C-alpha atoms as a PDB file:
ATOM      1  CA  MET A   1     189.670  81.377  94.074  1.00  0.00           C
ATOM      2  CA  ILE A   2     187.621  80.795  97.211  1.00  0.00           C
ATOM      3  CA  ARG A   3     187.899  84.391  98.472  1.00  0.00           C
ATOM      4  CA  ALA A   4     187.236  85.937  95.070  1.00  0.00           C
ATOM      5  CA  SER A   5     183.918  84.112  94.739  1.00  0.00           C
ATOM      6  CA  ALA A   6     182.784  84.212  98.371  1.00  0.00           C
ATOM      7  CA  ASN A   7     180.185  86.947  97.871  1.00  0.00           C
ATOM      8  CA  MET A   8     178.642  85.647  94.668  1.00  0.00           C
ATOM      9  CA  LYS A   9     175.007  84.516  94.709  1.00  0.00           C
ATOM     10  CA  VAL A  10     175.631  80.964  93.443  1.00  0.00           C
ATOM     11  CA  ASN A  11     179.084  79.426  93.724  1.00  0.00           C
ATOM     12  CA  LEU A  12     179.381  76.401  91.436  1.00  0.00           C
ATOM     13  CA  GLY A  13     183.176  76.594  91.261  1.00  0.00           C
ATOM     14  CA  ASN A  14     184.607  75.574  94.609  1.00  0.00           C
ATOM     15  CA  LEU A  15     184.191  72.118  96.089  1.00  0.00           C
ATOM     16  CA  TRP A  16     182.181  73.062  99.178  1.00  0.00           C
ATOM     17  CA  CYS A  17     178.549  71.975  99.572  1.00  0.00           C
ATOM     18  CA  ALA A  18     177.552  74.287 102.410  1.00  0.00           C
ATOM     19  CA  ASP A  19     173.828  73.516 102.526  1.00  0.00           C
ATOM     20  CA  LEU A  20     174.184  69.720 102.715  1.00  0.00           C
ATOM     21  CA  PRO A  21     173.713  67.823 105.994  1.00  0.00           C
ATOM     22  CA  SER A  22     176.770  68.588 108.143  1.00  0.00           C
ATOM     23  CA  VAL A  23     178.532  66.223 110.500  1.00  0.00           C
ATOM     24  CA  ASP A  24     178.176  66.993 114.206  1.00  0.00           C
ATOM     25  CA  LEU A  25     181.817  67.393 115.263  1.00  0.00           C
ATOM     26  CA  LYS A  26     181.104  67.750 118.996  1.00  0.00           C
ATOM     27  CA  PRO A  27     181.200  64.016 119.899  1.00  0.00           C
ATOM     28  CA  GLY A  28     184.541  63.670 118.141  1.00  0.00           C
ATOM     29  CA  PHE A  29     186.178  66.612 119.893  1.00  0.00           C
ATOM     30  CA  GLU A  30     184.776  65.614 123.278  1.00  0.00           C
ATOM     31  CA  TYR A  31     186.273  62.169 122.797  1.00  0.00           C
ATOM     32  CA  GLY A  32     189.608  63.612 121.664  1.00  0.00           C
ATOM     33  CA  VAL A  33     189.939  66.105 124.492  1.00  0.00           C
ATOM     34  CA  ASP A  34     189.084  63.533 127.184  1.00  0.00           C
ATOM     35  CA  HIS A  35     191.271  60.743 125.794  1.00  0.00           C
ATOM     36  CA  PRO A  36     193.995  59.542 128.215  1.00  0.00           C
ATOM     37  CA  ASP A  37     196.677  59.766 125.500  1.00  0.00           C
ATOM     38  CA  VAL A  38     196.300  63.536 125.217  1.00  0.00           C
ATOM     39  CA  GLY A  39     199.340  65.179 126.775  1.00  0.00           C
ATOM     40  CA  ASP A  40     201.763  62.407 125.802  1.00  0.00           C
ATOM     41  CA  PRO A  41     204.982  64.309 124.958  1.00  0.00           C
ATOM     42  CA  PHE A  42     206.145  61.670 122.456  1.00  0.00           C
ATOM     43  CA  ALA A  43     204.716  62.177 118.982  1.00  0.00           C
ATOM     44  CA  GLN A  44     203.948  59.277 116.673  1.00  0.00           C
ATOM     45  CA  PRO A  45     203.244  59.189 112.928  1.00  0.00           C
ATOM     46  CA  ILE A  46     199.603  58.290 113.494  1.00  0.00           C
ATOM     47  CA  HIS A  47     197.619  57.393 116.594  1.00  0.00           C
ATOM     48  CA  PRO A  48     196.715  53.664 116.586  1.00  0.00           C
ATOM     49  CA  GLU A  49     192.984  54.458 116.851  1.00  0.00           C
ATOM     50  CA  PHE A  50     193.161  56.748 113.817  1.00  0.00           C
ATOM     51  CA  GLN A  51     195.064  54.126 111.840  1.00  0.00           C
ATOM     52  CA  GLU A  52     192.582  51.424 112.801  1.00  0.00           C
ATOM     53  CA  SER A  53     189.642  53.612 111.754  1.00  0.00           C
ATOM     54  CA  VAL A  54     190.969  54.025 108.195  1.00  0.00           C
ATOM     55  CA  ALA A  55     192.781  50.724 107.634  1.00  0.00           C
ATOM     56  CA  GLU A  56     189.602  48.698 107.128  1.00  0.00           C
ATOM     57  CA  THR A  57     188.543  50.747 104.092  1.00  0.00           C
ATOM     58  CA  TRP A  58     192.041  51.448 102.745  1.00  0.00           C
ATOM     59  CA  PRO A  59     192.308  50.297  99.121  1.00  0.00           C
ATOM     60  CA  PHE A  60     195.385  48.098  99.713  1.00  0.00           C
ATOM     61  CA  GLU A  61     197.323  46.407 102.499  1.00  0.00           C
ATOM     62  CA  THR A  62     200.022  48.526 104.140  1.00  0.00           C
ATOM     63  CA  GLU A  63     201.534  49.126 107.554  1.00  0.00           C
ATOM     64  CA  SER A  64     202.879  52.581 106.656  1.00  0.00           C
ATOM     65  CA  PHE A  65     200.332  55.218 107.672  1.00  0.00           C
ATOM     66  CA  LEU A  66     200.819  58.871 108.539  1.00  0.00           C
ATOM     67  CA  ALA A  67     198.419  61.594 109.734  1.00  0.00           C
ATOM     68  CA  MET A  68     198.708  64.825 107.747  1.00  0.00           C
ATOM     69  CA  HIS A  69     197.160  68.307 107.715  1.00  0.00           C
ATOM     70  CA  GLY A  70     195.170  67.800 104.511  1.00  0.00           C
ATOM     71  CA  THR A  71     195.692  66.676 100.933  1.00  0.00           C
ATOM     72  CA  ILE A  72     197.338  69.858  99.661  1.00  0.00           C
ATOM     73  CA  ASP A  73     199.756  69.964 102.601  1.00  0.00           C
ATOM     74  CA  THR A  74     200.638  66.341 101.866  1.00  0.00           C
ATOM     75  CA  LEU A  75     201.150  67.129  98.208  1.00  0.00           C
ATOM     76  CA  GLU A  76     203.365  70.123  98.953  1.00  0.00           C
ATOM     77  CA  MET A  77     205.518  68.260 101.468  1.00  0.00           C
ATOM     78  CA  SER A  78     205.828  65.173  99.264  1.00  0.00           C
ATOM     79  CA  LEU A  79     206.928  67.178  96.256  1.00  0.00           C
ATOM     80  CA  ALA A  80     209.337  69.255  98.354  1.00  0.00           C
ATOM     81  CA  ALA A  81     210.959  65.986  99.430  1.00  0.00           C
ATOM     82  CA  LEU A  82     211.180  64.592  95.897  1.00  0.00           C
ATOM     83  CA  VAL A  83     211.692  67.496  93.488  1.00  0.00           C
ATOM     84  CA  ARG A  84     214.753  69.568  92.711  1.00  0.00           C
ATOM     85  CA  PRO A  85     214.800  72.466  90.206  1.00  0.00           C
ATOM     86  CA  GLY A  86     214.688  71.107  86.679  1.00  0.00           C
ATOM     87  CA  ASP A  87     213.217  67.729  87.640  1.00  0.00           C
ATOM     88  CA  HIS A  88     210.347  66.397  85.572  1.00  0.00           C
ATOM     89  CA  VAL A  89     207.046  65.417  87.209  1.00  0.00           C
ATOM     90  CA  ALA A  90     204.332  63.510  85.327  1.00  0.00           C
ATOM     91  CA  VAL A  91     200.874  64.878  86.164  1.00  0.00           C
ATOM     92  CA  GLU A  92     197.427  63.897  84.946  1.00  0.00           C
ATOM     93  CA  SER A  93     195.691  66.785  83.182  1.00  0.00           C
ATOM     94  CA  PRO A  94     193.355  68.350  84.084  1.00  0.00           C
ATOM     95  CA  THR A  95     193.912  68.037  87.799  1.00  0.00           C
ATOM     96  CA  ILE A  96     193.866  69.825  91.174  1.00  0.00           C
ATOM     97  CA  ALA A  97     194.712  73.452  90.485  1.00  0.00           C
ATOM     98  CA  ARG A  98     197.242  73.830  93.298  1.00  0.00           C
ATOM     99  CA  ILE A  99     199.496  71.121  91.858  1.00  0.00           C
ATOM    100  CA  PHE A 100     200.789  73.400  89.117  1.00  0.00           C
ATOM    101  CA  ASP A 101     201.426  76.259  91.559  1.00  0.00           C
ATOM    102  CA  ILE A 102     203.473  73.973  93.801  1.00  0.00           C
ATOM    103  CA  LEU A 103     205.481  72.511  90.931  1.00  0.00           C
ATOM    104  CA  GLU A 104     206.214  75.982  89.555  1.00  0.00           C
ATOM    105  CA  SER A 105     207.458  77.139  92.958  1.00  0.00           C
ATOM    106  CA  LEU A 106     209.809  74.125  93.075  1.00  0.00           C
ATOM    107  CA  GLY A 107     211.170  74.772  89.589  1.00  0.00           C
ATOM    108  CA  ALA A 108     209.830  71.481  88.240  1.00  0.00           C
ATOM    109  CA  VAL A 109     209.043  70.662  84.611  1.00  0.00           C
ATOM    110  CA  VAL A 110     205.460  69.421  84.168  1.00  0.00           C
ATOM    111  CA  ASP A 111     204.913  66.458  81.862  1.00  0.00           C
ATOM    112  CA  ALA A 112     201.139  66.627  81.360  1.00  0.00           C
ATOM    113  CA  VAL A 113     199.333  63.316  80.834  1.00  0.00           C
ATOM    114  CA  PRO A 114     195.830  63.901  79.439  1.00  0.00           C
ATOM    115  CA  ILE A 115     192.982  61.922  80.997  1.00  0.00           C
ATOM    116  CA  GLY A 116     191.202  59.531  78.640  1.00  0.00           C
ATOM    117  CA  SER A 117     188.100  57.405  79.013  1.00  0.00           C
ATOM    118  CA  GLU A 118     189.822  54.845  81.262  1.00  0.00           C
ATOM    119  CA  GLY A 119     192.399  56.998  83.022  1.00  0.00           C
ATOM    120  CA  PRO A 120     195.536  59.038  82.269  1.00  0.00           C
ATOM    121  CA  ASP A 121     196.797  58.240  78.753  1.00  0.00           C
ATOM    122  CA  LEU A 122     199.386  55.475  79.238  1.00  0.00           C
ATOM    123  CA  SER A 123     201.001  55.957  75.824  1.00  0.00           C
ATOM    124  CA  ILE A 124     201.798  59.559  76.740  1.00  0.00           C
ATOM    125  CA  LEU A 125     202.864  58.517  80.246  1.00  0.00           C
ATOM    126  CA  SER A 126     205.202  55.962  78.679  1.00  0.00           C
ATOM    127  CA  ARG A 127     206.844  58.697  76.607  1.00  0.00           C
ATOM    128  CA  ALA A 128     207.058  60.922  79.674  1.00  0.00           C
ATOM    129  CA  LEU A 129     209.082  58.232  81.472  1.00  0.00           C
ATOM    130  CA  ILE A 130     211.921  58.859  79.005  1.00  0.00           C
ATOM    131  CA  SER A 131     212.559  62.152  80.846  1.00  0.00           C
ATOM    132  CA  LYS A 132     212.934  60.203  84.115  1.00  0.00           C
ATOM    133  CA  PRO A 133     210.285  62.078  86.134  1.00  0.00           C
ATOM    134  CA  VAL A 134     210.700  61.928  89.896  1.00  0.00           C
ATOM    135  CA  ALA A 135     206.986  61.294  90.521  1.00  0.00           C
ATOM    136  CA  PHE A 136     203.633  60.608  88.884  1.00  0.00           C
ATOM    137  CA  ILE A 137     200.585  62.407  90.325  1.00  0.00           C
ATOM    138  CA  TYR A 138     197.009  61.388  89.633  1.00  0.00           C
ATOM    139  CA  GLN A 139     193.583  60.876  91.213  1.00  0.00           C
ATOM    140  CA  PRO A 140     192.189  57.350  90.912  1.00  0.00           C
ATOM    141  CA  SER A 141     188.610  58.092  92.022  1.00  0.00           C
ATOM    142  CA  ARG A 142     186.231  60.974  91.191  1.00  0.00           C
ATOM    143  CA  SER A 143     189.099  63.145  90.018  1.00  0.00           C
ATOM    144  CA  LEU A 144     188.871  66.902  90.214  1.00  0.00           C
ATOM    145  CA  PRO A 145     187.769  68.598  88.038  1.00  0.00           C
ATOM    146  CA  THR A 146     186.617  65.839  85.648  1.00  0.00           C
ATOM    147  CA  GLY A 147     184.830  63.493  88.070  1.00  0.00           C
ATOM    148  CA  ARG A 148     186.385  60.512  86.276  1.00  0.00           C
ATOM    149  CA  SER A 149     187.655  57.323  87.927  1.00  0.00           C
ATOM    150  CA  VAL A 150     190.233  54.983  86.454  1.00  0.00           C
ATOM    151  CA  THR A 151     189.076  51.537  85.364  1.00  0.00           C
ATOM    152  CA  PRO A 152     190.404  48.175  86.636  1.00  0.00           C
ATOM    153  CA  ALA A 153     191.829  47.527  83.166  1.00  0.00           C
ATOM    154  CA  TRP A 154     193.752  50.818  83.361  1.00  0.00           C
ATOM    155  CA  VAL A 155     195.151  49.838  86.765  1.00  0.00           C
ATOM    156  CA  ASP A 156     196.428  46.542  85.328  1.00  0.00           C
ATOM    157  CA  ARG A 157     198.147  48.222  82.378  1.00  0.00           C
ATOM    158  CA  ALA A 158     199.523  51.115  84.417  1.00  0.00           C
ATOM    159  CA  ALA A 159     200.997  48.735  87.003  1.00  0.00           C
ATOM    160  CA  LYS A 160     202.930  46.896  84.296  1.00  0.00           C
ATOM    161  CA  LEU A 161     204.195  50.175  82.867  1.00  0.00           C
ATOM    162  CA  LEU A 162     205.196  51.767  86.178  1.00  0.00           C
ATOM    163  CA  LYS A 163     206.519  48.787  88.125  1.00  0.00           C
ATOM    164  CA  GLY A 164     209.915  49.627  89.607  1.00  0.00           C
ATOM    165  CA  THR A 165     210.049  53.111  88.078  1.00  0.00           C
ATOM    166  CA  LEU A 166     209.055  56.064  90.288  1.00  0.00           C
ATOM    167  CA  PRO A 167     206.968  57.162  93.305  1.00  0.00           C
ATOM    168  CA  ILE A 168     203.244  57.380  92.552  1.00  0.00           C
ATOM    169  CA  LEU A 169     201.177  59.983  94.425  1.00  0.00           C
ATOM    170  CA  GLU A 170     197.450  59.198  94.540  1.00  0.00           C
ATOM    171  CA  PHE A 171     194.924  61.691  95.910  1.00  0.00           C
ATOM    172  CA  ASP A 172     191.330  61.133  97.000  1.00  0.00           C
ATOM    173  CA  GLN A 173     189.809  64.508  97.914  1.00  0.00           C
ATOM    174  CA  VAL A 174     186.132  63.524  97.817  1.00  0.00           C
ATOM    175  CA  TRP A 175     186.028  60.442 100.033  1.00  0.00           C
ATOM    176  CA  PRO A 176     183.591  58.707 100.604  1.00  0.00           C
ATOM    177  CA  LEU A 177     181.864  59.296  97.244  1.00  0.00           C
ATOM    178  CA  THR A 178     183.562  56.218  95.801  1.00  0.00           C
ATOM    179  CA  SER A 179     182.133  53.162  97.536  1.00  0.00           C
ATOM    180  CA  VAL A 180     184.823  50.824  96.143  1.00  0.00           C
ATOM    181  CA  PRO A 181     188.251  52.519  96.401  1.00  0.00           C
ATOM    182  CA  ILE A 182     190.545  52.164  93.389  1.00  0.00           C
ATOM    183  CA  SER A 183     194.330  52.263  93.674  1.00  0.00           C
ATOM    184  CA  LEU A 184     197.543  51.280  91.958  1.00  0.00           C
ATOM    185  CA  GLY A 185     198.592  50.297  95.477  1.00  0.00           C
ATOM    186  CA  THR A 186     196.815  46.980  94.939  1.00  0.00           C
ATOM    187  CA  ARG A 187     199.596  46.192  92.453  1.00  0.00           C
ATOM    188  CA  LEU A 188     202.477  48.437  93.549  1.00  0.00           C
ATOM    189  CA  PRO A 189     202.117  49.009  97.319  1.00  0.00           C
ATOM    190  CA  GLU A 190     205.790  49.930  97.775  1.00  0.00           C
ATOM    191  CA  GLN A 191     205.623  52.700  95.144  1.00  0.00           C
ATOM    192  CA  VAL A 192     202.202  54.209  95.822  1.00  0.00           C
ATOM    193  CA  LEU A 193     201.502  56.879  98.415  1.00  0.00           C
ATOM    194  CA  HIS A 194     197.694  57.032  98.669  1.00  0.00           C
ATOM    195  CA  VAL A 195     196.260  60.169 100.303  1.00  0.00           C
ATOM    196  CA  ARG A 196     192.717  60.381 101.654  1.00  0.00           C
ATOM    197  CA  GLY A 197     191.383  63.790 102.642  1.00  0.00           C
ATOM    198  CA  PHE A 198     188.524  64.377 105.074  1.00  0.00           C
ATOM    199  CA  ASN A 199     187.637  68.067 104.802  1.00  0.00           C
ATOM    200  CA  TYR A 200     185.271  67.527 101.843  1.00  0.00           C
ATOM    201  CA  SER A 201     182.968  65.404 104.030  1.00  0.00           C
ATOM    202  CA  PHE A 202     183.710  66.799 107.487  1.00  0.00           C
ATOM    203  CA  GLY A 203     184.211  70.468 106.625  1.00  0.00           C
ATOM    204  CA  PRO A 204     187.197  72.841 106.755  1.00  0.00           C
ATOM    205  CA  SER A 205     187.432  72.614 110.555  1.00  0.00           C
ATOM    206  CA  MET A 206     188.546  68.985 110.178  1.00  0.00           C
ATOM    207  CA  ARG A 207     191.234  69.624 107.597  1.00  0.00           C
ATOM    208  CA  GLN A 208     193.092  66.353 107.939  1.00  0.00           C
ATOM    209  CA  ALA A 209     194.334  63.576 105.688  1.00  0.00           C
ATOM    210  CA  VAL A 210     195.874  60.143 106.051  1.00  0.00           C
ATOM    211  CA  THR A 211     198.620  58.824 103.813  1.00  0.00           C
ATOM    212  CA  GLY A 212     199.305  55.133 103.419  1.00  0.00           C
ATOM    213  CA  GLY A 213     201.791  53.084 101.417  1.00  0.00           C
ATOM    214  CA  ASN A 214     205.267  53.879 100.026  1.00  0.00           C
ATOM    215  CA  PRO A 215     207.225  53.380 103.269  1.00  0.00           C
ATOM    216  CA  LYS A 216     210.263  55.357 102.083  1.00  0.00           C
ATOM    217  CA  LEU A 217     208.241  58.462 101.271  1.00  0.00           C
ATOM    218  CA  THR A 218     206.098  58.072 104.376  1.00  0.00           C
ATOM    219  CA  GLN A 219     209.248  58.060 106.508  1.00  0.00           C
ATOM    220  CA  MET A 220     210.603  61.119 104.700  1.00  0.00           C
ATOM    221  CA  LEU A 221     207.375  62.976 105.421  1.00  0.00           C
ATOM    222  CA  TRP A 222     207.394  61.918 109.063  1.00  0.00           C
ATOM    223  CA  ASN A 223     210.989  63.103 109.455  1.00  0.00           C
ATOM    224  CA  ARG A 224     209.988  66.534 108.153  1.00  0.00           C
ATOM    225  CA  LEU A 225     206.866  66.712 110.316  1.00  0.00           C
ATOM    226  CA  SER A 226     208.520  65.606 113.533  1.00  0.00           C
ATOM    227  CA  TYR A 227     211.667  67.713 113.070  1.00  0.00           C
ATOM    228  CA  SER A 228     209.610  70.893 112.685  1.00  0.00           C
ATOM    229  CA  SER A 229     206.945  69.904 115.257  1.00  0.00           C
ATOM    230  CA  ARG A 230     204.306  70.073 112.515  1.00  0.00           C
ATOM    231  CA  TYR A 231     202.797  66.690 113.316  1.00  0.00           C
ATOM    232  CA  VAL A 232     199.028  66.457 113.632  1.00  0.00           C
ATOM    233  CA  SER A 233     197.629  67.048 117.119  1.00  0.00           C
ATOM    234  CA  PRO A 234     196.531  63.855 118.911  1.00  0.00           C
ATOM    235  CA  ILE A 235     193.286  65.614 119.785  1.00  0.00           C
ATOM    236  CA  MET A 236     192.524  66.125 116.093  1.00  0.00           C
ATOM    237  CA  GLN A 237     193.508  62.576 115.216  1.00  0.00           C
ATOM    238  CA  LEU A 238     191.405  61.049 117.978  1.00  0.00           C
ATOM    239  CA  SER A 239     188.454  63.282 117.148  1.00  0.00           C
ATOM    240  CA  GLN A 240     188.566  62.174 113.531  1.00  0.00           C
ATOM    241  CA  ALA A 241     189.021  58.532 114.524  1.00  0.00           C
ATOM    242  CA  ARG A 242     185.951  58.687 116.759  1.00  0.00           C
ATOM    243  CA  LEU A 243     183.818  60.231 114.017  1.00  0.00           C
ATOM    244  CA  LEU A 244     184.904  57.628 111.476  1.00  0.00           C
ATOM    245  CA  VAL A 245     183.468  54.798 113.583  1.00  0.00           C
ATOM    246  CA  ASP A 246     180.391  56.661 114.829  1.00  0.00           C
ATOM    247  CA  PRO A 247     177.071  55.273 113.420  1.00  0.00           C
ATOM    248  CA  THR A 248     175.357  58.683 113.492  1.00  0.00           C
ATOM    249  CA  THR A 249     178.203  60.215 111.526  1.00  0.00           C
ATOM    250  CA  ALA A 250     178.001  57.358 109.025  1.00  0.00           C
ATOM    251  CA  ASP A 251     174.303  58.079 108.518  1.00  0.00           C
ATOM    252  CA  THR A 252     175.026  61.770 107.927  1.00  0.00           C
ATOM    253  CA  LEU A 253     177.752  60.995 105.394  1.00  0.00           C
ATOM    254  CA  SER A 254     175.446  58.556 103.641  1.00  0.00           C
ATOM    255  CA  ALA A 255     172.721  61.227 103.431  1.00  0.00           C
ATOM    256  CA  ARG A 256     175.258  63.756 102.067  1.00  0.00           C
ATOM    257  CA  THR A 257     176.458  61.316  99.426  1.00  0.00           C
ATOM    258  CA  GLU A 258     172.931  60.433  98.362  1.00  0.00           C
ATOM    259  CA  GLU A 259     171.990  64.104  98.004  1.00  0.00           C
ATOM    260  CA  ILE A 260     175.187  64.922  96.048  1.00  0.00           C
ATOM    261  CA  PHE A 261     174.410  62.226  93.475  1.00  0.00           C
ATOM    262  CA  HIS A 262     170.758  63.305  93.374  1.00  0.00           C
ATOM    263  CA  ARG A 263     171.796  66.876  92.595  1.00  0.00           C
ATOM    264  CA  PHE A 264     174.205  65.663  89.929  1.00  0.00           C
ATOM    265  CA  SER A 265     171.425  63.628  88.284  1.00  0.00           C
ATOM    266  CA  ARG A 266     169.151  66.681  88.240  1.00  0.00           C
ATOM    267  CA  PHE A 267     171.935  68.880  86.825  1.00  0.00           C
ATOM    268  CA  LYS A 268     172.769  66.255  84.215  1.00  0.00           C
ATOM    269  CA  GLU A 269     169.136  66.050  83.124  1.00  0.00           C
ATOM    270  CA  ALA A 270     168.786  69.836  83.016  1.00  0.00           C
ATOM    271  CA  LEU A 271     171.948  70.267  80.931  1.00  0.00           C
ATOM    272  CA  SER A 272     170.932  67.480  78.557  1.00  0.00           C
ATOM    273  CA  GLY A 273     167.900  69.586  77.668  1.00  0.00           C
ATOM    274  CA  HIS A 274     170.372  72.130  76.275  1.00  0.00           C
ATOM    275  CA  ASP A 275     172.409  69.497  74.367  1.00  0.00           C
ATOM    276  CA  PHE A 276     175.166  69.169  76.978  1.00  0.00           C
ATOM    277  CA  ASP A 277     176.374  65.719  77.975  1.00  0.00           C
ATOM    278  CA  ALA A 278     177.374  65.428  81.657  1.00  0.00           C
ATOM    279  CA  VAL A 279     178.760  62.055  82.696  1.00  0.00           C
ATOM    280  CA  HIS A 280     180.772  62.124  85.920  1.00  0.00           C
ATOM    281  CA  ALA A 281     179.960  63.308  89.450  1.00  0.00           C
ATOM    282  CA  PRO A 282     180.373  65.385  91.587  1.00  0.00           C
ATOM    283  CA  MET A 283     182.047  67.871  89.226  1.00  0.00           C
ATOM    284  CA  ILE A 284     181.003  68.474  85.631  1.00  0.00           C
ATOM    285  CA  TRP A 285     183.931  69.223  83.322  1.00  0.00           C
ATOM    286  CA  LEU A 286     181.985  71.008  80.617  1.00  0.00           C
ATOM    287  CA  PRO A 287     183.492  71.780  77.197  1.00  0.00           C
ATOM    288  CA  VAL A 288     182.635  75.329  76.115  1.00  0.00           C
ATOM    289  CA  PRO A 289     183.431  77.513  73.101  1.00  0.00           C
ATOM    290  CA  ASP A 290     185.260  80.151  75.156  1.00  0.00           C
ATOM    291  CA  GLU A 291     185.754  79.718  78.902  1.00  0.00           C
ATOM    292  CA  TYR A 292     186.630  83.405  79.418  1.00  0.00           C
ATOM    293  CA  SER A 293     183.339  84.435  77.843  1.00  0.00           C
ATOM    294  CA  VAL A 294     181.258  81.868  79.765  1.00  0.00           C
ATOM    295  CA  CYS A 295     182.788  82.716  83.151  1.00  0.00           C
ATOM    296  CA  THR A 296     182.426  86.457  82.541  1.00  0.00           C
ATOM    297  CA  GLN A 297     178.793  86.250  81.495  1.00  0.00           C
ATOM    298  CA  LEU A 298     177.812  83.968  84.369  1.00  0.00           C
ATOM    299  CA  SER A 299     179.602  86.181  86.890  1.00  0.00           C
ATOM    300  CA  THR A 300     177.412  89.120  85.831  1.00  0.00           C
ATOM    301  CA  LYS A 301     174.437  86.965  86.898  1.00  0.00           C
ATOM    302  CA  GLY A 302     176.081  86.187  90.250  1.00  0.00           C
ATOM    303  CA  ILE A 303     177.020  82.641  89.198  1.00  0.00           C
ATOM    304  CA  VAL A 304     180.562  81.331  89.682  1.00  0.00           C
ATOM    305  CA  VAL A 305     182.101  78.559  87.614  1.00  0.00           C
ATOM    306  CA  HIS A 306     185.839  78.090  87.334  1.00  0.00           C
ATOM    307  CA  PRO A 307     187.648  78.218  83.976  1.00  0.00           C
ATOM    308  CA  GLY A 308     189.509  75.188  82.686  1.00  0.00           C
ATOM    309  CA  ALA A 309     192.769  77.148  82.724  1.00  0.00           C
ATOM    310  CA  PHE A 310     192.873  76.734  86.519  1.00  0.00           C
ATOM    311  CA  PHE A 311     193.270  72.977  86.124  1.00  0.00           C
ATOM    312  CA  GLN A 312     195.609  72.598  83.135  1.00  0.00           C
ATOM    313  CA  PRO A 313     199.149  73.626  82.227  1.00  0.00           C
ATOM    314  CA  ASN A 314     199.337  76.332  79.574  1.00  0.00           C
ATOM    315  CA  SER A 315     200.664  73.940  76.954  1.00  0.00           C
ATOM    316  CA  HIS A 316     197.566  71.709  77.212  1.00  0.00           C
ATOM    317  CA  LEU A 317     194.723  74.202  77.503  1.00  0.00           C
ATOM    318  CA  SER A 318     191.326  72.983  76.355  1.00  0.00           C
ATOM    319  CA  PRO A 319     188.331  75.327  76.876  1.00  0.00           C
ATOM    320  CA  HIS A 320     186.144  74.009  79.686  1.00  0.00           C
ATOM    321  CA  VAL A 321     184.392  75.201  82.815  1.00  0.00           C
ATOM    322  CA  CYS A 322     184.214  73.287  86.085  1.00  0.00           C
ATOM    323  CA  ILE A 323     180.801  73.007  87.761  1.00  0.00           C
ATOM    324  CA  ASN A 324     180.250  71.644  91.261  1.00  0.00           C
ATOM    325  CA  THR A 325     176.837  70.038  90.931  1.00  0.00           C
ATOM    326  CA  GLY A 326     176.646  69.386  94.666  1.00  0.00           C
ATOM    327  CA  ALA A 327     176.792  73.081  95.543  1.00  0.00           C
ATOM    328  CA  THR A 328     173.055  73.724  95.379  1.00  0.00           C
ATOM    329  CA  GLY A 329     169.759  71.916  95.097  1.00  0.00           C
ATOM    330  CA  VAL A 330     167.805  75.064  94.182  1.00  0.00           C
ATOM    331  CA  GLY A 331     167.117  76.519  90.746  1.00  0.00           C
ATOM    332  CA  ILE A 332     169.035  73.860  88.835  1.00  0.00           C
ATOM    333  CA  GLU A 333     166.950  74.188  85.656  1.00  0.00           C
ATOM    334  CA  GLU A 334     167.503  77.945  85.661  1.00  0.00           C
ATOM    335  CA  LEU A 335     171.250  77.514  86.191  1.00  0.00           C
ATOM    336  CA  ALA A 336     171.447  75.080  83.269  1.00  0.00           C
ATOM    337  CA  ARG A 337     169.639  77.617  81.087  1.00  0.00           C
ATOM    338  CA  GLU A 338     172.031  80.406  82.126  1.00  0.00           C
ATOM    339  CA  ILE A 339     175.035  78.198  81.344  1.00  0.00           C
ATOM    340  CA  SER A 340     173.610  77.321  77.927  1.00  0.00           C
ATOM    341  CA  GLU A 341     172.957  80.969  77.109  1.00  0.00           C
ATOM    342  CA  ALA A 342     176.460  81.960  78.228  1.00  0.00           C
ATOM    343  CA  CYS A 343     177.911  79.373  75.854  1.00  0.00           C
ATOM    344  CA  ALA A 344     175.820  80.714  72.990  1.00  0.00           C
ATOM    345  CA  ARG A 345     176.712  84.413  73.435  1.00  0.00           C
ATOM    346  CA  PRO A 346     180.389  85.313  73.046  1.00  0.00           C
ATOM    347  CA  VAL A 347     181.751  88.516  74.559  1.00  0.00           C
ATOM    348  CA  ASP A 348     184.597  90.678  73.352  1.00  0.00           C
ATOM    349  CA  HIS A 349     187.962  90.066  75.000  1.00  0.00           C
ATOM    350  CA  VAL A 350     189.638  93.027  76.663  1.00  0.00           C
ATOM    351  CA  ASP A 351     193.332  93.363  75.756  1.00  0.00           C
END
């Protein structure tokens, strides 16, 4: 998806926000390269400084942390450890596009759990448990592509439903947009593996993540990483740790977050003028008459939005497009007009 849309004039599909204030990575890498622990031949799940830098803002108490190479790598390794062909996996829908690719490659059966106003539908999740899924995957905060966050009431009900049942994989790809982290780990710390990614805020050159919780699954992941020498470089870990406690970096991230929400507010206002209701940031999950038609028409204008089919299993398709409102601060009113016109003018499908 990223390569196919790289040369388009306005890319509102992918998650990147290239023109926002960027973090200066140099102080982090200088710190990492010069650190006395660099060169230690004995790998560890996570460097103590990296763990300390994330533990203070982690959504629940845990001693089981692990440095990973990003959220998708964590997802792929976790599912490879849990899933065998024919196993069921409960997944919120819509969700991160790559999840369905990974599950298909593993031969898993997807039990889609539609997202409601408070979180994934617990009545449907309850029915899905009859098939004994080996995991439940969802995003508690600012989920992609809907932008929704679960409510505290949902967490309470979900914890009662899921207690003692199955591993729960939580993913936060847009940290730190949620100022108060939400997690089922506050109720079920032994079941939940919470994953926080950093490349959204720090850029693709800092493609790292930290997992915390579920000690059994954390140990399984560490065994796989250490056996294959795939563990995260201490230089990368220390660089990230240094940036996470750096006041200048914190100011930059705060400015990025403020601008992302400002752009969302402008996009929301512009779309409301065309009778569209946008609620959640940073992505707008916009219902449309025909996503094929909308994406095709916008692409002829050099505008990329991603179709809802990327984020849903075939059995639960609902026509939407995904819009990254943080992608640009220029021409928002014009973009809203183009989107409205694309929704109003169907095009013929090509067989």
